[in-house]
């Protein structure tokens, strides 16, 4: 089995070195989106906020003004447990979540972290709890996102003033007449992290890999001392400049291809978009997809053999993930929706989180992620799931952490999707990031 699937491992290793990177080939799917988003942003709103409301924009204006004035603070509003992902054990524990968030951000950010939940607020710095403002700002069962935004804005103003930084306490306005002092620099609403990952250090790692390879070739030419030595080194010198630039530009473009908005927009025109081939393709009838028997969100048995006669997409997803997994789900949704109903593949989403397989979580994602009818969750016992991960060479790791008396788990797993033809044979492997047009191209090639 190991020899039969060694090419999959090679592809994943090359993807990490060539720019897809750990965030692409392996998703840090602990489902705690705030800890990812706040690395580079000041305010985290609910993960489902498509655009900030007036109250939320006022909060962002105030936080931006505080940071410009030297009062370092980042804010997370958490109106519902969905926004915690797999650290759901910290729901209605704002102080513990503030401590957790401070620890998560400590390597990149050393300032204050303020958390607001319906039952109160929490404040920390580098994982150490600080005294929060008046507790009267706290409990309000069923608080809406706007109520939380107003509450935490008041808390930021109170904290800043206690530190000698005066912020305007008025209602303020954003946009149009009477623009607030920070209106021109308002942070964006929470977006996918795929683009951020592509814009970070990973493309540069890819560029360094390419540059190192060219240097090795140049050294080899120099040792041969032929009449082509110096012309060859000159050509490699030009490539040493051009290849890293092209790699960085390409990876950044690809990194933004998987956001929910982009995926939805691509669906109607997926066939006409520029498609890239998958990193691995196999000839017909050469590589049978390992079968398995798991259960979907309704308790029905799902398997590869059950869908014999139609294409199947097999992916591996954490139901409580709130960063890359929903993005991949949007891409697969868009790919399936772009095909005629009679040619749409089944999607088998094998869970990578044995702690997230309760039917309520699966049904929640069906609703929240707007999953297509062809989507089938595949869950089972830890032993059964581990066997499927092993057969498909999917890496899954679990890190446990104690926050106070609460244990939280962080799940990391390979982010990939297999294309299986109607005869049950693997034909292609996609490693994140990829676009719906890429998947549509491969499915049409099968037919």
Protein backbone atom coordinates (compact mmCIF):
# COMPACT_ATOMS: atom_id res chain seq x y z
CA UNK A 1 0.00 0.00 0.00
CA UNK A 2 2.87 2.38 0.79
CA UNK A 3 4.60 1.77 -2.53
CA UNK A 4 1.32 2.04 -4.40
CA UNK A 5 0.64 5.52 -3.02
CA UNK A 6 4.13 6.96 -2.78
CA UNK A 7 3.40 9.44 -5.61
CA UNK A 8 0.72 11.10 -3.46
CA UNK A 9 3.24 11.72 -0.69
CA UNK A 10 5.74 13.08 -3.23
CA UNK A 11 3.14 15.52 -4.58
CA UNK A 12 2.32 16.80 -1.10
CA UNK A 13 6.01 17.26 -0.35
CA UNK A 14 6.60 19.13 -3.62
CA UNK A 15 3.54 21.27 -3.01
CA UNK A 16 4.99 22.47 0.29
CA UNK A 17 8.33 23.42 -1.33
CA UNK A 18 6.85 24.83 -4.54
CA UNK A 19 4.54 27.37 -2.98
CA UNK A 20 1.35 25.62 -2.00
CA UNK A 21 2.87 25.54 1.44
CA UNK A 22 1.73 24.09 4.76
CA UNK A 23 -1.39 26.23 4.80
CA UNK A 24 -2.33 24.80 1.44
CA UNK A 25 -1.38 21.15 1.61
CA UNK A 26 -2.14 21.00 5.31
CA UNK A 27 -4.93 23.01 6.86
CA UNK A 28 -4.60 24.20 10.41
CA UNK A 29 -8.23 23.40 10.90
CA UNK A 30 -8.71 24.03 14.60
CA UNK A 31 -11.75 26.03 13.50
CA UNK A 32 -10.71 29.07 15.52
CA UNK A 33 -10.88 31.72 12.77
CA UNK A 34 -10.28 34.69 15.07
CA UNK A 35 -6.75 33.51 15.92
CA UNK A 36 -5.90 33.42 12.20
CA UNK A 37 -7.67 36.62 11.21
CA UNK A 38 -6.36 38.77 14.05
CA UNK A 39 -2.74 38.08 13.16
CA UNK A 40 -3.00 40.77 10.48
CA UNK A 41 -6.27 42.54 11.34
CA UNK A 42 -7.62 44.50 14.29
CA UNK A 43 -11.25 43.38 14.55
CA UNK A 44 -12.82 39.96 14.06
CA UNK A 45 -16.56 39.91 13.43
CA UNK A 46 -18.84 36.90 13.10
CA UNK A 47 -17.58 34.52 10.42
CA UNK A 48 -20.84 34.84 8.53
CA UNK A 49 -20.75 38.66 8.31
CA UNK A 50 -20.85 39.41 4.58
CA UNK A 51 -20.49 43.14 5.24
CA UNK A 52 -20.20 45.11 8.47
CA UNK A 53 -23.23 46.89 9.88
CA UNK A 54 -23.16 50.51 11.01
CA UNK A 55 -22.46 49.47 14.62
CA UNK A 56 -19.67 47.13 13.51
CA UNK A 57 -18.08 49.81 11.35
CA UNK A 58 -18.15 52.21 14.28
CA UNK A 59 -16.34 49.59 16.32
CA UNK A 60 -13.69 49.18 13.62
CA UNK A 61 -13.26 52.95 13.40
CA UNK A 62 -12.74 53.20 17.16
CA UNK A 63 -10.28 50.30 17.31
CA UNK A 64 -8.30 51.72 14.38
CA UNK A 65 -8.15 55.13 16.12
CA UNK A 66 -6.99 53.52 19.37
CA UNK A 67 -4.17 51.66 17.66
CA UNK A 68 -3.06 54.76 15.76
CA UNK A 69 -2.92 56.60 19.07
CA UNK A 70 -0.57 53.96 20.48
CA UNK A 71 -3.15 51.94 22.43
CA UNK A 72 -2.57 48.45 21.01
CA UNK A 73 -5.73 46.36 21.08
CA UNK A 74 -7.42 43.72 18.96
CA UNK A 75 -11.03 42.69 19.29
CA UNK A 76 -13.05 39.52 18.65
CA UNK A 77 -16.84 39.56 18.77
CA UNK A 78 -18.33 36.08 19.17
CA UNK A 79 -22.15 36.19 19.07
CA UNK A 80 -22.64 32.45 18.54
CA UNK A 81 -20.79 29.17 19.16
CA UNK A 82 -20.39 28.63 15.41
CA UNK A 83 -17.71 31.34 15.42
CA UNK A 84 -15.51 29.30 17.78
CA UNK A 85 -15.26 26.24 15.54
CA UNK A 86 -13.76 23.27 17.33
CA UNK A 87 -12.83 25.30 20.42
CA UNK A 88 -16.55 25.34 21.12
CA UNK A 89 -15.76 24.26 24.70
CA UNK A 90 -14.93 27.94 25.32
CA UNK A 91 -18.42 29.15 24.37
CA UNK A 92 -19.88 31.45 27.05
CA UNK A 93 -16.46 31.67 28.65
CA UNK A 94 -15.18 35.00 27.34
CA UNK A 95 -12.36 35.27 29.85
CA UNK A 96 -11.02 31.83 28.98
CA UNK A 97 -11.35 32.53 25.26
CA UNK A 98 -9.54 35.86 25.70
CA UNK A 99 -6.72 33.96 27.38
CA UNK A 100 -6.70 31.32 24.62
CA UNK A 101 -6.70 33.98 21.90
CA UNK A 102 -3.89 35.89 23.58
CA UNK A 103 -1.76 32.75 23.65
CA UNK A 104 -2.55 31.97 20.01
CA UNK A 105 -1.52 35.46 18.88
CA UNK A 106 1.47 35.87 21.19
CA UNK A 107 4.09 34.95 18.59
CA UNK A 108 2.89 37.69 16.22
CA UNK A 109 1.15 40.23 18.45
CA UNK A 110 1.97 41.33 22.00
CA UNK A 111 -0.84 43.78 22.77
CA UNK A 112 -4.26 43.52 24.39
CA UNK A 113 -6.94 41.12 23.17
CA UNK A 114 -10.57 41.91 23.98
CA UNK A 115 -13.29 39.28 23.53
CA UNK A 116 -17.04 39.91 23.62
CA UNK A 117 -19.66 37.17 24.00
CA UNK A 118 -23.35 37.45 24.89
CA UNK A 119 -22.58 36.71 28.54
CA UNK A 120 -19.68 39.11 29.02
CA UNK A 121 -16.24 40.27 27.95
CA UNK A 122 -12.68 39.11 28.57
CA UNK A 123 -9.34 40.87 28.28
CA UNK A 124 -5.84 39.42 28.07
CA UNK A 125 -2.31 40.14 26.96
CA UNK A 126 -0.03 37.32 25.79
CA UNK A 127 -2.41 34.85 27.44
CA UNK A 128 -2.43 36.59 30.82
CA UNK A 129 -5.85 37.77 31.95
CA UNK A 130 -6.26 41.48 32.63
CA UNK A 131 -8.96 43.31 34.51
CA UNK A 132 -11.79 44.13 32.12
CA UNK A 133 -13.93 47.28 32.28
CA UNK A 134 -17.16 47.53 34.28
CA UNK A 135 -18.88 44.15 34.35
CA UNK A 136 -22.10 46.01 33.61
CA UNK A 137 -20.97 45.90 30.00
CA UNK A 138 -21.27 42.12 30.17
CA UNK A 139 -24.17 39.75 30.39
CA UNK A 140 -27.00 40.08 27.91
CA UNK A 141 -28.46 36.74 26.87
CA UNK A 142 -29.12 36.49 23.17
CA UNK A 143 -27.10 39.63 22.36
CA UNK A 144 -27.04 40.36 18.63
CA UNK A 145 -23.83 41.10 16.71
CA UNK A 146 -24.72 44.81 16.75
CA UNK A 147 -25.26 44.78 20.52
CA UNK A 148 -21.88 43.10 20.99
CA UNK A 149 -20.20 45.61 18.67
CA UNK A 150 -21.64 48.57 20.61
CA UNK A 151 -20.74 46.98 23.93
CA UNK A 152 -17.16 46.22 23.01
CA UNK A 153 -16.72 49.68 21.45
CA UNK A 154 -17.64 51.20 24.81
CA UNK A 155 -15.16 48.87 26.50
CA UNK A 156 -12.36 49.94 24.13
CA UNK A 157 -13.06 53.62 24.83
CA UNK A 158 -13.08 52.95 28.59
CA UNK A 159 -9.81 51.02 28.49
CA UNK A 160 -8.09 53.61 26.30
CA UNK A 161 -9.12 56.47 28.57
CA UNK A 162 -7.84 54.58 31.61
CA UNK A 163 -4.48 54.40 29.80
CA UNK A 164 -4.54 58.13 29.07
CA UNK A 165 -5.70 57.85 25.45
CA UNK A 166 -8.82 59.91 24.74
CA UNK A 167 -11.11 58.51 22.05
CA UNK A 168 -14.35 60.12 20.86
CA UNK A 169 -17.31 58.58 22.66
CA UNK A 170 -19.92 59.98 20.27
CA UNK A 171 -21.87 57.84 17.86
CA UNK A 172 -19.80 59.02 14.90
CA UNK A 173 -20.57 58.30 11.27
CA UNK A 174 -18.86 56.44 8.51
CA UNK A 175 -18.94 57.22 4.84
CA UNK A 176 -20.40 60.33 3.27
CA UNK A 177 -20.75 63.52 5.29
CA UNK A 178 -19.35 63.61 8.80
CA UNK A 179 -16.79 60.88 8.18
CA UNK A 180 -15.03 59.61 11.28
CA UNK A 181 -11.29 60.18 11.67
CA UNK A 182 -10.50 56.60 10.65
CA UNK A 183 -13.15 56.09 8.01
CA UNK A 184 -10.62 56.10 5.20
CA UNK A 185 -8.72 53.26 6.81
CA UNK A 186 -11.53 51.02 7.95
CA UNK A 187 -10.50 47.38 8.20
CA UNK A 188 -12.28 45.00 5.88
CA UNK A 189 -14.92 42.58 7.10
CA UNK A 190 -13.68 39.07 7.89
CA UNK A 191 -12.59 37.34 4.71
CA UNK A 192 -11.10 34.00 3.88
CA UNK A 193 -7.58 33.33 5.07
CA UNK A 194 -6.52 31.70 1.82
CA UNK A 195 -5.51 34.99 0.23
CA UNK A 196 -3.70 36.07 3.38
CA UNK A 197 -1.77 32.85 3.44
CA UNK A 198 -0.78 33.26 -0.19
CA UNK A 199 0.35 36.80 0.47
CA UNK A 200 2.49 35.83 3.46
CA UNK A 201 5.95 34.25 3.60
CA UNK A 202 5.05 31.04 1.73
CA UNK A 203 5.48 32.46 -1.81
CA UNK A 204 8.89 33.71 -0.78
CA UNK A 205 9.83 30.26 0.46
CA UNK A 206 8.90 28.99 -3.01
CA UNK A 207 11.08 31.68 -4.56
CA UNK A 208 14.03 30.71 -2.36
CA UNK A 209 13.60 27.04 -3.37
CA UNK A 210 13.68 28.03 -7.06
CA UNK A 211 16.67 30.31 -6.56
CA UNK A 212 18.57 27.57 -4.70
CA UNK A 213 17.94 25.14 -7.57
CA UNK A 214 19.30 27.66 -10.10
CA UNK A 215 22.41 28.27 -7.98
CA UNK A 216 23.08 24.52 -7.89
CA UNK A 217 22.84 24.40 -11.70
CA UNK A 218 25.18 27.39 -12.02
CA UNK A 219 27.78 25.75 -9.77
CA UNK A 220 27.55 22.60 -11.87
CA UNK A 221 28.19 24.57 -15.07
CA UNK A 222 31.14 26.38 -13.51
CA UNK A 223 32.79 23.09 -12.62
CA UNK A 224 32.56 21.79 -16.20
CA UNK A 225 34.57 24.77 -17.58
CA UNK A 226 33.31 24.38 -21.19
CA UNK A 227 32.85 27.16 -23.77
CA UNK A 228 29.17 27.28 -22.74
CA UNK A 229 29.96 27.87 -19.07
CA UNK A 230 29.65 31.66 -18.92
CA UNK A 231 26.73 32.00 -21.41
CA UNK A 232 24.95 29.31 -19.39
CA UNK A 233 25.60 31.09 -16.11
CA UNK A 234 24.32 34.36 -17.64
CA UNK A 235 21.07 32.65 -18.68
CA UNK A 236 20.67 31.13 -15.22
CA UNK A 237 21.26 34.58 -13.73
CA UNK A 238 18.31 35.97 -15.70
CA UNK A 239 16.17 33.00 -14.65
CA UNK A 240 17.23 33.54 -11.02
CA UNK A 241 15.57 36.94 -11.23
CA UNK A 242 12.52 36.00 -13.30
CA UNK A 243 11.48 32.65 -11.77
CA UNK A 244 11.04 33.83 -8.15
CA UNK A 245 9.03 36.85 -9.35
CA UNK A 246 6.78 34.64 -11.46
CA UNK A 247 6.34 32.12 -8.63
CA UNK A 248 5.33 34.79 -6.13
CA UNK A 249 2.89 36.38 -8.57
CA UNK A 250 1.38 33.00 -9.50
CA UNK A 251 0.95 31.79 -5.91
CA UNK A 252 -0.64 35.08 -4.84
CA UNK A 253 -3.11 34.85 -7.71
CA UNK A 254 -3.95 31.24 -6.90
CA UNK A 255 -4.21 31.98 -3.18
CA UNK A 256 -7.22 34.24 -3.73
CA UNK A 257 -9.10 31.77 -5.92
CA UNK A 258 -10.90 29.98 -3.13
CA UNK A 259 -12.78 32.67 -1.24
CA UNK A 260 -16.51 32.11 -0.93
CA UNK A 261 -17.33 35.22 -2.95
CA UNK A 262 -15.01 34.20 -5.77
CA UNK A 263 -16.25 30.63 -5.78
CA UNK A 264 -19.87 31.74 -6.05
CA UNK A 265 -19.05 34.17 -8.83
CA UNK A 266 -17.11 31.58 -10.81
CA UNK A 267 -19.85 28.94 -10.76
CA UNK A 268 -21.91 30.20 -13.73
CA UNK A 269 -18.82 30.70 -15.89
CA UNK A 270 -16.59 27.93 -14.58
CA UNK A 271 -16.31 26.28 -17.99
CA UNK A 272 -15.12 29.50 -19.61
CA UNK A 273 -12.51 30.31 -16.94
CA UNK A 274 -8.85 29.48 -17.25
CA UNK A 275 -8.38 26.05 -15.71
CA UNK A 276 -5.20 24.51 -14.36
CA UNK A 277 -4.58 20.76 -14.44
CA UNK A 278 -4.33 18.92 -11.11
CA UNK A 279 -0.84 18.14 -9.79
CA UNK A 280 -1.44 14.39 -10.28
CA UNK A 281 -3.40 12.49 -12.93
CA UNK A 282 -3.65 8.74 -13.45
CA UNK A 283 -4.58 6.73 -16.56
CA UNK A 284 -7.94 4.99 -16.64
CA UNK A 285 -8.36 1.67 -14.82
CA UNK A 286 -4.92 1.78 -13.17
CA UNK A 287 -5.67 2.92 -9.62
CA UNK A 288 -8.78 1.74 -7.80
CA UNK A 289 -10.05 4.11 -5.13
CA UNK A 290 -9.98 2.37 -1.73
CA UNK A 291 -13.53 1.68 -0.63
CA UNK A 292 -14.96 2.37 2.81
CA UNK A 293 -18.30 2.23 4.60
CA UNK A 294 -19.13 5.28 6.74
CA UNK A 295 -22.33 7.18 7.60
CA UNK A 296 -23.71 10.48 6.31
CA UNK A 297 -25.52 13.23 8.23
CA UNK A 298 -28.76 11.22 8.08
CA UNK A 299 -27.23 7.97 9.31
CA UNK A 300 -27.23 6.30 5.89
CA UNK A 301 -24.23 4.26 4.78
CA UNK A 302 -22.00 5.96 2.21
CA UNK A 303 -19.19 4.36 0.24
CA UNK A 304 -17.29 4.76 -3.02
CA UNK A 305 -18.93 1.63 -4.45
CA UNK A 306 -22.42 2.99 -3.73
CA UNK A 307 -21.87 5.65 -6.40
CA UNK A 308 -20.42 3.33 -9.03
CA UNK A 309 -21.52 4.59 -12.45
CA UNK A 310 -21.05 8.30 -11.69
CA UNK A 311 -18.00 10.43 -10.85
CA UNK A 312 -17.14 10.99 -7.19
CA UNK A 313 -15.16 13.72 -5.46
CA UNK A 314 -13.55 12.50 -2.23
CA UNK A 315 -12.36 15.23 0.11
CA UNK A 316 -11.33 15.41 3.76
CA UNK A 317 -12.94 18.08 5.91
CA UNK A 318 -13.25 19.09 9.56
CA UNK A 319 -16.95 19.87 10.21
CA UNK A 320 -15.94 22.44 12.84
CA UNK A 321 -13.27 24.13 10.73
CA UNK A 322 -13.97 27.79 9.99
CA UNK A 323 -11.03 28.72 7.77
CA UNK A 324 -9.90 26.62 4.77
CA UNK A 325 -12.47 23.82 4.92
CA UNK A 326 -15.48 26.08 4.20
CA UNK A 327 -13.52 27.64 1.33
CA UNK A 328 -12.89 24.25 -0.25
CA UNK A 329 -16.56 23.38 0.26
CA UNK A 330 -17.53 26.54 -1.66
CA UNK A 331 -15.18 25.59 -4.50
CA UNK A 332 -16.59 22.06 -4.77
CA UNK A 333 -20.14 23.45 -4.55
CA UNK A 334 -19.41 25.81 -7.43
CA UNK A 335 -17.82 23.06 -9.52
CA UNK A 336 -20.79 20.74 -9.09
CA UNK A 337 -23.32 23.51 -9.74
CA UNK A 338 -21.57 24.37 -13.02
CA UNK A 339 -22.38 20.94 -14.49
CA UNK A 340 -25.69 19.64 -15.87
CA UNK A 341 -27.68 17.78 -13.20
CA UNK A 342 -27.33 14.45 -15.00
CA UNK A 343 -23.53 14.73 -14.93
CA UNK A 344 -22.96 16.04 -11.43
CA UNK A 345 -20.62 13.97 -9.25
CA UNK A 346 -21.27 12.88 -5.69
CA UNK A 347 -19.11 14.53 -3.03
CA UNK A 348 -17.93 12.33 -0.17
CA UNK A 349 -16.58 14.56 2.61
CA UNK A 350 -14.69 12.32 5.02
CA UNK A 351 -14.45 13.89 8.46
CA UNK A 352 -10.99 14.62 9.85
CA UNK A 353 -12.28 15.49 13.32
CA UNK A 354 -13.62 12.62 15.41
CA UNK A 355 -14.83 15.16 17.98
CA UNK A 356 -17.02 17.00 15.46
CA UNK A 357 -19.15 14.22 14.00
CA UNK A 358 -22.37 14.89 15.93
CA UNK A 359 -25.30 15.14 13.46
CA UNK A 360 -26.07 18.69 14.65
CA UNK A 361 -22.66 19.89 13.45
CA UNK A 362 -23.04 18.17 10.10
CA UNK A 363 -26.52 19.60 9.55
CA UNK A 364 -25.31 23.01 10.66
CA UNK A 365 -22.64 23.00 7.94
CA UNK A 366 -25.13 21.84 5.32
CA UNK A 367 -27.13 24.98 6.13
CA UNK A 368 -24.32 27.45 6.82
CA UNK A 369 -22.10 26.42 3.92
CA UNK A 370 -25.09 26.10 1.54
CA UNK A 371 -23.93 22.62 0.55
CA UNK A 372 -25.28 21.14 -2.66
CA UNK A 373 -27.53 18.04 -2.49
CA UNK A 374 -24.67 15.96 -3.92
CA UNK A 375 -22.64 16.55 -0.73
CA UNK A 376 -22.49 13.56 1.64
CA UNK A 377 -20.69 13.68 4.95
CA UNK A 378 -18.79 10.49 5.78
CA UNK A 379 -18.29 9.94 9.51
CA UNK A 380 -17.66 6.94 11.73
CA UNK A 381 -15.71 5.65 14.68
CA UNK A 382 -12.16 6.91 15.27
CA UNK A 383 -10.80 3.54 14.13
CA UNK A 384 -12.87 3.55 10.94
CA UNK A 385 -11.93 7.12 10.06
CA UNK A 386 -8.25 6.53 10.77
CA UNK A 387 -8.31 3.57 8.38
CA UNK A 388 -9.70 5.78 5.59
CA UNK A 389 -7.12 8.52 6.27
CA UNK A 390 -4.37 5.92 6.07
CA UNK A 391 -5.60 4.42 2.80
CA UNK A 392 -5.74 7.84 1.14
CA UNK A 393 -2.51 9.05 2.80
CA UNK A 394 -4.24 11.95 4.55
CA UNK A 395 -2.29 13.33 7.48
CA UNK A 396 -4.37 14.21 10.54
CA UNK A 397 -2.93 15.41 13.85
CA UNK A 398 -4.56 16.51 17.09
CA UNK A 399 -2.96 18.93 19.56
CA UNK A 400 -4.55 19.24 23.00
CA UNK A 401 -4.32 22.26 25.22
CA UNK A 402 -5.52 23.07 28.70
CA UNK A 403 -6.99 26.54 29.20
CA UNK A 404 -7.91 26.81 32.84
CA UNK A 405 -9.79 23.60 33.50
CA UNK A 406 -10.98 23.27 29.90
CA UNK A 407 -9.35 21.11 27.23
CA UNK A 408 -9.39 22.39 23.66
CA UNK A 409 -8.26 20.45 20.61
CA UNK A 410 -6.57 21.78 17.49
CA UNK A 411 -6.91 19.68 14.35
CA UNK A 412 -4.50 19.84 11.41
CA UNK A 413 -5.04 17.78 8.27
CA UNK A 414 -4.18 17.48 4.59
CA UNK A 415 -6.41 19.68 2.44
CA UNK A 416 -6.98 17.76 -0.79
CA UNK A 417 -9.60 16.24 -3.09
CA UNK A 418 -9.54 13.10 -5.24
CA UNK A 419 -11.47 12.74 -8.51
CA UNK A 420 -12.82 9.20 -9.00
CA UNK A 421 -14.27 8.12 -12.34
CA UNK A 422 -17.56 6.19 -12.76
CA UNK A 423 -15.68 2.87 -12.72
CA UNK A 424 -14.31 3.59 -9.23
CA UNK A 425 -10.75 4.47 -10.24
CA UNK A 426 -8.79 7.52 -9.09
CA UNK A 427 -8.03 9.86 -11.97
CA UNK A 428 -6.76 13.07 -10.34
CA UNK A 429 -5.64 14.62 -7.07
CA UNK A 430 -6.09 18.32 -6.21
CA UNK A 431 -4.13 19.96 -3.41
CA UNK A 432 -5.45 23.22 -1.98
CA UNK A 433 -5.65 25.88 -3.30
CA UNK A 434 -7.59 25.08 -6.45
CA UNK A 435 -10.56 26.64 -8.23
CA UNK A 436 -13.94 25.30 -9.35
CA UNK A 437 -12.92 25.65 -12.98
CA UNK A 438 -10.00 23.27 -12.33
CA UNK A 439 -12.35 20.60 -10.99
CA UNK A 440 -14.90 21.14 -13.77
CA UNK A 441 -12.17 20.72 -16.39
CA UNK A 442 -11.15 17.39 -14.90
CA UNK A 443 -14.71 16.10 -14.59
CA UNK A 444 -15.42 16.99 -18.21
CA UNK A 445 -12.26 15.22 -19.28
CA UNK A 446 -13.65 12.02 -17.75
CA UNK A 447 -16.79 12.24 -19.87
